[in-house]
């Protein structure tokens, strides 16, 4: 998993580990092969890779669907801290609140 995430930002291993930690991957878990991850873990890894790549815009279609409550919360917090533009389709009211700069709804 660490190698997969590092490919998004190869020059800064400390930042990669920090972002993976924000997405609940810490300690020896970062060395776990991607093929052994659950569906929710793969989703979290994919979003972490997008954050690491640093695009100006994220287009997300139901990014929290099929995730457990803790994963949804972590993703909401991480995306809420994202400095770029996010275009998201979601039915997750908590995610909308996390992404809203004025904490609406």
Protein backbone atom coordinates (compact mmCIF):
# COMPACT_ATOMS: atom_id res chain seq x y z
CA UNK A 1 0.00 0.00 0.00
CA UNK A 2 2.83 2.41 0.83
CA UNK A 3 4.37 1.90 -2.60
CA UNK A 4 1.00 2.54 -4.24
CA UNK A 5 0.52 5.81 -2.35
CA UNK A 6 4.14 6.89 -2.78
CA UNK A 7 3.70 6.70 -6.56
CA UNK A 8 1.36 9.72 -6.23
CA UNK A 9 4.03 11.79 -4.47
CA UNK A 10 7.40 10.01 -4.70
CA UNK A 11 9.57 12.82 -3.33
CA UNK A 12 7.97 13.22 0.09
CA UNK A 13 7.70 9.98 2.09
CA UNK A 14 6.83 11.85 5.30
CA UNK A 15 3.81 13.53 3.69
CA UNK A 16 2.69 10.20 2.20
CA UNK A 17 2.77 8.57 5.64
CA UNK A 18 0.96 11.54 7.15
CA UNK A 19 -1.84 11.43 4.59
CA UNK A 20 -2.15 7.66 4.91
CA UNK A 21 -2.42 8.12 8.66
CA UNK A 22 -5.27 10.61 8.19
CA UNK A 23 -7.04 7.91 6.20
CA UNK A 24 -6.56 5.38 9.05
CA UNK A 25 -3.52 3.57 7.65
CA UNK A 26 -0.72 3.63 10.18
CA UNK A 27 2.15 1.55 11.51
CA UNK A 28 2.80 -1.72 9.72
CA UNK A 29 -0.59 -1.52 7.97
CA UNK A 30 0.98 0.75 5.35
CA UNK A 31 3.01 -2.25 4.14
CA UNK A 32 -0.12 -4.37 3.60
CA UNK A 33 -0.56 -5.40 -0.06
CA UNK A 34 -3.36 -3.52 -1.83
CA UNK A 35 -4.91 -6.82 -2.93
CA UNK A 36 -5.64 -7.74 0.69
CA UNK A 37 -7.57 -4.53 1.46
CA UNK A 38 -11.34 -4.50 1.89
CA UNK A 39 -13.51 -2.46 -0.46
CA UNK A 40 -13.75 0.41 2.03
CA UNK A 41 -10.00 0.40 2.59
CA UNK A 42 -9.42 0.53 -1.16
CA UNK A 43 -11.76 3.51 -1.37
CA UNK A 44 -9.87 5.27 1.43
CA UNK A 45 -6.56 4.52 -0.32
CA UNK A 46 -7.86 5.86 -3.64
CA UNK A 47 -8.98 9.09 -1.99
CA UNK A 48 -5.65 9.40 -0.16
CA UNK A 49 -3.84 9.03 -3.49
CA UNK A 50 -6.01 11.77 -4.99
CA UNK A 51 -5.20 14.10 -2.10
CA UNK A 52 -1.49 13.32 -2.49
CA UNK A 53 -1.57 13.98 -6.22
CA UNK A 54 -2.76 17.52 -5.44
CA UNK A 55 -5.19 18.16 -8.28
CA UNK A 56 -7.07 21.46 -8.38
CA UNK A 57 -10.44 19.72 -8.72
CA UNK A 58 -11.84 16.46 -7.35
CA UNK A 59 -14.95 15.00 -8.99
CA UNK A 60 -16.49 12.43 -6.66
CA UNK A 61 -19.52 10.21 -7.20
CA UNK A 62 -20.88 8.92 -3.88
CA UNK A 63 -17.43 8.72 -2.23
CA UNK A 64 -18.79 7.44 1.09
CA UNK A 65 -21.20 4.82 -0.20
CA UNK A 66 -20.70 1.37 1.39
CA UNK A 67 -18.26 2.71 3.99
CA UNK A 68 -18.49 2.25 7.75
CA UNK A 69 -19.25 5.25 9.96
CA UNK A 70 -15.63 5.80 11.02
CA UNK A 71 -14.37 5.71 7.42
CA UNK A 72 -17.06 8.19 6.33
CA UNK A 73 -16.06 10.53 9.14
CA UNK A 74 -12.36 10.32 8.27
CA UNK A 75 -13.01 10.90 4.58
CA UNK A 76 -15.25 13.86 5.39
CA UNK A 77 -12.58 15.43 7.58
CA UNK A 78 -9.81 14.82 5.04
CA UNK A 79 -11.83 16.19 2.14
CA UNK A 80 -12.99 19.11 4.29
CA UNK A 81 -9.34 20.09 4.69
CA UNK A 82 -8.72 19.86 0.93
CA UNK A 83 -7.84 23.26 -0.56
CA UNK A 84 -9.05 22.64 -4.10
CA UNK A 85 -12.53 22.51 -5.61
CA UNK A 86 -14.69 19.47 -4.94
CA UNK A 87 -17.65 18.52 -7.11
CA UNK A 88 -19.42 15.70 -5.30
CA UNK A 89 -22.60 13.76 -5.84
CA UNK A 90 -23.73 12.36 -2.51
CA UNK A 91 -26.70 11.58 -0.31
CA UNK A 92 -24.48 11.74 2.78
CA UNK A 93 -25.61 14.86 4.69
CA UNK A 94 -22.63 14.61 7.05
CA UNK A 95 -20.25 14.72 4.09
CA UNK A 96 -22.02 17.81 2.76
CA UNK A 97 -21.55 19.45 6.16
CA UNK A 98 -17.86 18.50 6.23
CA UNK A 99 -17.31 19.93 2.75
CA UNK A 100 -19.23 23.15 3.32
CA UNK A 101 -16.95 26.10 4.10
CA UNK A 102 -19.74 27.67 6.17
CA UNK A 103 -20.78 24.38 7.79
CA UNK A 104 -24.29 24.71 6.42
CA UNK A 105 -27.20 22.29 6.49
